[in-house]
Amino acid sequence: MTNPKDTIKLDVPLFIRLLEYAREDAKSDMDLHELTDNIIEMSSEGRVLSMDDYEFVLPTNEEEELREFFRKRM
């Protein structure tokens, strides 16, 4: 089963958690764009995403993680 372009399916617990992420944790507009791209890509299989997928849809903040790593070492 193919997924129509840019159509996503989420269960309610994941939807609520993503709203919380957008309000509380996203540091920039680009975080939300990356999150959306990840969700669209994962939804391309046509299945409903759930909390099991949460850690995989979050944007990677490699730059921030590197800064934090070096901050702790100093």
PDB file of N, CA and C in Angstrom:
ATOM      1  N   MET A   1       0.844  -1.177   0.000  1.00  0.00           N
ATOM      2  CA  MET A   1       0.000   0.000   0.000  1.00  0.00           C
ATOM      3  C   MET A   1       0.892   1.243   0.000  1.00  0.00           C
ATOM      4  N   THR A   2       0.678   2.119  -0.932  1.00  0.00           N
ATOM      5  CA  THR A   2       1.484   3.335  -0.976  1.00  0.00           C
ATOM      6  C   THR A   2       0.742   4.470  -0.287  1.00  0.00           C
ATOM      7  N   ASN A   3       1.501   5.407   0.148  1.00  0.00           N
ATOM      8  CA  ASN A   3       0.960   6.543   0.886  1.00  0.00           C
ATOM      9  C   ASN A   3       0.880   7.744  -0.049  1.00  0.00           C
ATOM     10  N   PRO A   4      -0.292   8.408  -0.123  1.00  0.00           N
ATOM     11  CA  PRO A   4      -0.353   9.627  -0.938  1.00  0.00           C
ATOM     12  C   PRO A   4       0.688  10.638  -0.465  1.00  0.00           C
ATOM     13  N   LYS A   5       1.207  11.421  -1.389  1.00  0.00           N
ATOM     14  CA  LYS A   5       2.265  12.393  -1.071  1.00  0.00           C
ATOM     15  C   LYS A   5       1.869  13.286   0.098  1.00  0.00           C
ATOM     16  N   ASP A   6       2.780  13.394   1.053  1.00  0.00           N
ATOM     17  CA  ASP A   6       2.641  14.280   2.210  1.00  0.00           C
ATOM     18  C   ASP A   6       1.401  14.020   3.056  1.00  0.00           C
ATOM     19  N   THR A   7       0.985  12.772   3.146  1.00  0.00           N
ATOM     20  CA  THR A   7      -0.108  12.395   4.046  1.00  0.00           C
ATOM     21  C   THR A   7       0.481  11.608   5.194  1.00  0.00           C
ATOM     22  N   ILE A   8       0.096  11.974   6.412  1.00  0.00           N
ATOM     23  CA  ILE A   8       0.612  11.279   7.587  1.00  0.00           C
ATOM     24  C   ILE A   8      -0.539  10.711   8.404  1.00  0.00           C
ATOM     25  N   LYS A   9      -0.227   9.657   9.169  1.00  0.00           N
ATOM     26  CA  LYS A   9      -1.192   9.065  10.083  1.00  0.00           C
ATOM     27  C   LYS A   9      -0.489   8.856  11.417  1.00  0.00           C
ATOM     28  N   LEU A  10      -1.064   9.447  12.485  1.00  0.00           N
ATOM     29  CA  LEU A  10      -0.496   9.358  13.828  1.00  0.00           C
ATOM     30  C   LEU A  10      -1.577   8.907  14.787  1.00  0.00           C
ATOM     31  N   ASP A  11      -1.190   8.150  15.812  1.00  0.00           N
ATOM     32  CA  ASP A  11      -2.170   7.895  16.861  1.00  0.00           C
ATOM     33  C   ASP A  11      -2.206   9.116  17.784  1.00  0.00           C
ATOM     34  N   VAL A  12      -3.243   9.204  18.607  1.00  0.00           N
ATOM     35  CA  VAL A  12      -3.448  10.381  19.455  1.00  0.00           C
ATOM     36  C   VAL A  12      -2.315  10.597  20.456  1.00  0.00           C
ATOM     37  N   PRO A  13      -1.815   9.573  21.150  1.00  0.00           N
ATOM     38  CA  PRO A  13      -0.707   9.839  22.085  1.00  0.00           C
ATOM     39  C   PRO A  13       0.518  10.462  21.399  1.00  0.00           C
ATOM     40  N   LEU A  14       0.865   9.993  20.214  1.00  0.00           N
ATOM     41  CA  LEU A  14       2.006  10.580  19.501  1.00  0.00           C
ATOM     42  C   LEU A  14       1.680  12.007  19.073  1.00  0.00           C
ATOM     43  N   PHE A  15       0.479  12.247  18.598  1.00  0.00           N
ATOM     44  CA  PHE A  15       0.073  13.587  18.191  1.00  0.00           C
ATOM     45  C   PHE A  15       0.209  14.581  19.354  1.00  0.00           C
ATOM     46  N   ILE A  16      -0.276  14.193  20.521  1.00  0.00           N
ATOM     47  CA  ILE A  16      -0.183  15.067  21.697  1.00  0.00           C
ATOM     48  C   ILE A  16       1.271  15.321  22.065  1.00  0.00           C
ATOM     49  N   ARG A  17       2.097  14.290  22.050  1.00  0.00           N
ATOM     50  CA  ARG A  17       3.518  14.455  22.393  1.00  0.00           C
ATOM     51  C   ARG A  17       4.223  15.363  21.393  1.00  0.00           C
ATOM     52  N   LEU A  18       3.857  15.270  20.108  1.00  0.00           N
ATOM     53  CA  LEU A  18       4.465  16.143  19.103  1.00  0.00           C
ATOM     54  C   LEU A  18       4.053  17.593  19.304  1.00  0.00           C
ATOM     55  N   LEU A  19       2.822  17.821  19.727  1.00  0.00           N
ATOM     56  CA  LEU A  19       2.400  19.185  20.056  1.00  0.00           C
ATOM     57  C   LEU A  19       3.209  19.718  21.241  1.00  0.00           C
ATOM     58  N   GLU A  20       3.424  18.859  22.241  1.00  0.00           N
ATOM     59  CA  GLU A  20       4.244  19.265  23.393  1.00  0.00           C
ATOM     60  C   GLU A  20       5.667  19.584  22.950  1.00  0.00           C
ATOM     61  N   TYR A  21       6.229  18.760  22.075  1.00  0.00           N
ATOM     62  CA  TYR A  21       7.577  19.001  21.562  1.00  0.00           C
ATOM     63  C   TYR A  21       7.630  20.362  20.861  1.00  0.00           C
ATOM     64  N   ALA A  22       6.648  20.627  20.015  1.00  0.00           N
ATOM     65  CA  ALA A  22       6.630  21.881  19.257  1.00  0.00           C
ATOM     66  C   ALA A  22       6.550  23.084  20.191  1.00  0.00           C
ATOM     67  N   ARG A  23       5.796  22.960  21.258  1.00  0.00           N
ATOM     68  CA  ARG A  23       5.620  24.083  22.175  1.00  0.00           C
ATOM     69  C   ARG A  23       6.795  24.244  23.148  1.00  0.00           C
ATOM     70  N   GLU A  24       7.331  23.132  23.641  1.00  0.00           N
ATOM     71  CA  GLU A  24       8.283  23.193  24.743  1.00  0.00           C
ATOM     72  C   GLU A  24       9.741  22.931  24.363  1.00  0.00           C
ATOM     73  N   ASP A  25       9.973  22.098  23.367  1.00  0.00           N
ATOM     74  CA  ASP A  25      11.339  21.631  23.124  1.00  0.00           C
ATOM     75  C   ASP A  25      11.973  22.099  21.821  1.00  0.00           C
ATOM     76  N   ALA A  26      11.182  22.379  20.814  1.00  0.00           N
ATOM     77  CA  ALA A  26      11.754  22.808  19.536  1.00  0.00           C
ATOM     78  C   ALA A  26      12.459  24.133  19.733  1.00  0.00           C
ATOM     79  N   LYS A  27      13.696  24.205  19.264  1.00  0.00           N
ATOM     80  CA  LYS A  27      14.488  25.410  19.465  1.00  0.00           C
ATOM     81  C   LYS A  27      14.407  26.365  18.273  1.00  0.00           C
ATOM     82  N   SER A  28      13.965  25.856  17.137  1.00  0.00           N
ATOM     83  CA  SER A  28      13.881  26.708  15.947  1.00  0.00           C
ATOM     84  C   SER A  28      12.815  26.160  14.999  1.00  0.00           C
ATOM     85  N   ASP A  29      12.487  26.993  14.025  1.00  0.00           N
ATOM     86  CA  ASP A  29      11.554  26.596  12.988  1.00  0.00           C
ATOM     87  C   ASP A  29      12.108  25.402  12.197  1.00  0.00           C
ATOM     88  N   MET A  30      13.421  25.372  12.061  1.00  0.00           N
ATOM     89  CA  MET A  30      14.047  24.270  11.320  1.00  0.00           C
ATOM     90  C   MET A  30      13.844  22.940  12.033  1.00  0.00           C
ATOM     91  N   ASP A  31      13.793  22.938  13.363  1.00  0.00           N
ATOM     92  CA  ASP A  31      13.496  21.709  14.100  1.00  0.00           C
ATOM     93  C   ASP A  31      12.138  21.159  13.676  1.00  0.00           C
ATOM     94  N   LEU A  32      11.166  22.048  13.527  1.00  0.00           N
ATOM     95  CA  LEU A  32       9.819  21.613  13.136  1.00  0.00           C
ATOM     96  C   LEU A  32       9.792  21.108  11.698  1.00  0.00           C
ATOM     97  N   HIS A  33      10.582  21.736  10.823  1.00  0.00           N
ATOM     98  CA  HIS A  33      10.655  21.270   9.436  1.00  0.00           C
ATOM     99  C   HIS A  33      11.294  19.886   9.356  1.00  0.00           C
ATOM    100  N   GLU A  34      12.365  19.690  10.118  1.00  0.00           N
ATOM    101  CA  GLU A  34      13.033  18.386  10.116  1.00  0.00           C
ATOM    102  C   GLU A  34      12.114  17.308  10.706  1.00  0.00           C
ATOM    103  N   LEU A  35      11.420  17.643  11.777  1.00  0.00           N
ATOM    104  CA  LEU A  35      10.442  16.720  12.381  1.00  0.00           C
ATOM    105  C   LEU A  35       9.395  16.328  11.344  1.00  0.00           C
ATOM    106  N   THR A  36       8.865  17.311  10.635  1.00  0.00           N
ATOM    107  CA  THR A  36       7.843  17.053   9.615  1.00  0.00           C
ATOM    108  C   THR A  36       8.386  16.173   8.505  1.00  0.00           C
ATOM    109  N   ASP A  37       9.582  16.459   8.030  1.00  0.00           N
ATOM    110  CA  ASP A  37      10.195  15.626   6.985  1.00  0.00           C
ATOM    111  C   ASP A  37      10.352  14.182   7.454  1.00  0.00           C
ATOM    112  N   ASN A  38      10.784  14.005   8.710  1.00  0.00           N
ATOM    113  CA  ASN A  38      10.956  12.653   9.250  1.00  0.00           C
ATOM    114  C   ASN A  38       9.615  11.918   9.321  1.00  0.00           C
ATOM    115  N   ILE A  39       8.570  12.614   9.751  1.00  0.00           N
ATOM    116  CA  ILE A  39       7.248  11.991   9.859  1.00  0.00           C
ATOM    117  C   ILE A  39       6.728  11.614   8.479  1.00  0.00           C
ATOM    118  N   ILE A  40       6.889  12.508   7.499  1.00  0.00           N
ATOM    119  CA  ILE A  40       6.435  12.208   6.138  1.00  0.00           C
ATOM    120  C   ILE A  40       7.165  10.984   5.598  1.00  0.00           C
ATOM    121  N   GLU A  41       8.476  10.941   5.807  1.00  0.00           N
ATOM    122  CA  GLU A  41       9.260   9.797   5.320  1.00  0.00           C
ATOM    123  C   GLU A  41       8.809   8.492   5.979  1.00  0.00           C
ATOM    124  N   MET A  42       8.628   8.528   7.294  1.00  0.00           N
ATOM    125  CA  MET A  42       8.212   7.306   7.988  1.00  0.00           C
ATOM    126  C   MET A  42       6.782   6.906   7.633  1.00  0.00           C
ATOM    127  N   SER A  43       5.965   7.880   7.269  1.00  0.00           N
ATOM    128  CA  SER A  43       4.576   7.589   6.905  1.00  0.00           C
ATOM    129  C   SER A  43       4.456   7.049   5.485  1.00  0.00           C
ATOM    130  N   SER A  44       5.532   7.098   4.735  1.00  0.00           N
ATOM    131  CA  SER A  44       5.467   6.649   3.344  1.00  0.00           C
ATOM    132  C   SER A  44       5.121   5.165   3.229  1.00  0.00           C
ATOM    133  N   GLU A  45       5.291   4.428   4.329  1.00  0.00           N
ATOM    134  CA  GLU A  45       4.930   3.007   4.337  1.00  0.00           C
ATOM    135  C   GLU A  45       3.423   2.811   4.455  1.00  0.00           C
ATOM    136  N   GLY A  46       2.696   3.884   4.783  1.00  0.00           N
ATOM    137  CA  GLY A  46       1.246   3.815   4.876  1.00  0.00           C
ATOM    138  C   GLY A  46       0.716   3.354   6.223  1.00  0.00           C
ATOM    139  N   ARG A  47       1.580   3.207   7.216  1.00  0.00           N
ATOM    140  CA  ARG A  47       1.112   2.741   8.517  1.00  0.00           C
ATOM    141  C   ARG A  47       0.878   3.921   9.463  1.00  0.00           C
ATOM    142  N   VAL A  48       0.177   3.665  10.550  1.00  0.00           N
ATOM    143  CA  VAL A  48      -0.079   4.677  11.571  1.00  0.00           C
ATOM    144  C   VAL A  48       1.124   4.733  12.513  1.00  0.00           C
ATOM    145  N   LEU A  49       1.709   5.922  12.662  1.00  0.00           N
ATOM    146  CA  LEU A  49       2.840   6.087  13.568  1.00  0.00           C
ATOM    147  C   LEU A  49       2.328   6.168  15.002  1.00  0.00           C
ATOM    148  N   SER A  50       3.141   5.667  15.933  1.00  0.00           N
ATOM    149  CA  SER A  50       2.751   5.640  17.343  1.00  0.00           C
ATOM    150  C   SER A  50       3.918   6.114  18.202  1.00  0.00           C
ATOM    151  N   MET A  51       3.725   6.080  19.511  1.00  0.00           N
ATOM    152  CA  MET A  51       4.788   6.482  20.432  1.00  0.00           C
ATOM    153  C   MET A  51       6.040   5.628  20.249  1.00  0.00           C
ATOM    154  N   ASP A  52       5.919   4.441  19.715  1.00  0.00           N
ATOM    155  CA  ASP A  52       7.093   3.615  19.432  1.00  0.00           C
ATOM    156  C   ASP A  52       8.014   4.287  18.415  1.00  0.00           C
ATOM    157  N   ASP A  53       7.469   5.200  17.633  1.00  0.00           N
ATOM    158  CA  ASP A  53       8.239   5.890  16.595  1.00  0.00           C
ATOM    159  C   ASP A  53       8.789   7.238  17.051  1.00  0.00           C
ATOM    160  N   TYR A  54       8.419   7.668  18.241  1.00  0.00           N
ATOM    161  CA  TYR A  54       8.721   9.026  18.689  1.00  0.00           C
ATOM    162  C   TYR A  54      10.201   9.380  18.574  1.00  0.00           C
ATOM    163  N   GLU A  55      11.068   8.558  19.112  1.00  0.00           N
ATOM    164  CA  GLU A  55      12.493   8.902  19.097  1.00  0.00           C
ATOM    165  C   GLU A  55      13.065   8.960  17.681  1.00  0.00           C
ATOM    166  N   PHE A  56      12.392   8.308  16.728  1.00  0.00           N
ATOM    167  CA  PHE A  56      12.895   8.293  15.355  1.00  0.00           C
ATOM    168  C   PHE A  56      12.398   9.481  14.533  1.00  0.00           C
ATOM    169  N   VAL A  57      11.324  10.140  14.973  1.00  0.00           N
ATOM    170  CA  VAL A  57      10.822  11.289  14.228  1.00  0.00           C
ATOM    171  C   VAL A  57      11.425  12.600  14.718  1.00  0.00           C
ATOM    172  N   LEU A  58      12.013  12.591  15.904  1.00  0.00           N
ATOM    173  CA  LEU A  58      12.613  13.819  16.428  1.00  0.00           C
ATOM    174  C   LEU A  58      13.798  14.240  15.569  1.00  0.00           C
ATOM    175  N   PRO A  59      13.950  15.550  15.396  1.00  0.00           N
ATOM    176  CA  PRO A  59      15.129  16.018  14.645  1.00  0.00           C
ATOM    177  C   PRO A  59      16.410  15.738  15.412  1.00  0.00           C
ATOM    178  N   THR A  60      17.469  15.528  14.694  1.00  0.00           N
ATOM    179  CA  THR A  60      18.765  15.330  15.342  1.00  0.00           C
ATOM    180  C   THR A  60      19.406  16.688  15.532  1.00  0.00           C
ATOM    181  N   ASN A  61      19.848  16.945  16.716  1.00  0.00           N
ATOM    182  CA  ASN A  61      20.497  18.225  17.040  1.00  0.00           C
ATOM    183  C   ASN A  61      21.982  17.988  17.232  1.00  0.00           C
ATOM    184  N   GLU A  62      22.636  17.507  16.187  1.00  0.00           N
ATOM    185  CA  GLU A  62      24.048  17.159  16.280  1.00  0.00           C
ATOM    186  C   GLU A  62      24.902  18.355  16.675  1.00  0.00           C
ATOM    187  N   GLU A  63      24.594  19.514  16.119  1.00  0.00           N
ATOM    188  CA  GLU A  63      25.377  20.698  16.425  1.00  0.00           C
ATOM    189  C   GLU A  63      25.262  21.051  17.908  1.00  0.00           C
ATOM    190  N   GLU A  64      24.054  21.033  18.429  1.00  0.00           N
ATOM    191  CA  GLU A  64      23.830  21.336  19.845  1.00  0.00           C
ATOM    192  C   GLU A  64      24.484  20.280  20.732  1.00  0.00           C
ATOM    193  N   GLU A  65      24.407  19.012  20.341  1.00  0.00           N
ATOM    194  CA  GLU A  65      25.025  17.945  21.124  1.00  0.00           C
ATOM    195  C   GLU A  65      26.542  18.113  21.176  1.00  0.00           C
ATOM    196  N   LEU A  66      27.144  18.533  20.081  1.00  0.00           N
ATOM    197  CA  LEU A  66      28.591  18.767  20.065  1.00  0.00           C
ATOM    198  C   LEU A  66      28.973  19.925  20.980  1.00  0.00           C
ATOM    199  N   ARG A  67      28.198  21.007  20.916  1.00  0.00           N
ATOM    200  CA  ARG A  67      28.473  22.136  21.806  1.00  0.00           C
ATOM    201  C   ARG A  67      28.392  21.716  23.270  1.00  0.00           C
ATOM    202  N   GLU A  68      27.369  20.952  23.622  1.00  0.00           N
ATOM    203  CA  GLU A  68      27.190  20.485  24.994  1.00  0.00           C
ATOM    204  C   GLU A  68      28.334  19.569  25.416  1.00  0.00           C
ATOM    205  N   PHE A  69      28.776  18.709  24.503  1.00  0.00           N
ATOM    206  CA  PHE A  69      29.890  17.804  24.786  1.00  0.00           C
ATOM    207  C   PHE A  69      31.140  18.599  25.141  1.00  0.00           C
ATOM    208  N   PHE A  70      31.469  19.612  24.322  1.00  0.00           N
ATOM    209  CA  PHE A  70      32.687  20.391  24.567  1.00  0.00           C
ATOM    210  C   PHE A  70      32.534  21.298  25.777  1.00  0.00           C
ATOM    211  N   ARG A  71      31.332  21.781  26.040  1.00  0.00           N
ATOM    212  CA  ARG A  71      31.079  22.612  27.218  1.00  0.00           C
ATOM    213  C   ARG A  71      31.364  21.813  28.490  1.00  0.00           C
ATOM    214  N   LYS A  72      30.958  20.557  28.508  1.00  0.00           N
ATOM    215  CA  LYS A  72      31.186  19.706  29.682  1.00  0.00           C
ATOM    216  C   LYS A  72      32.660  19.387  29.867  1.00  0.00           C
ATOM    217  N   ARG A  73      33.409  19.330  28.803  1.00  0.00           N
ATOM    218  CA  ARG A  73      34.834  18.972  28.885  1.00  0.00           C
ATOM    219  C   ARG A  73      35.691  20.124  29.357  1.00  0.00           C
ATOM    220  N   MET A  74      35.191  21.341  29.263  1.00  0.00           N
ATOM    221  CA  MET A  74      36.004  22.517  29.634  1.00  0.00           C
ATOM    222  C   MET A  74      35.910  22.804  31.102  1.00  0.00           C
TER     223      MET A  74
END
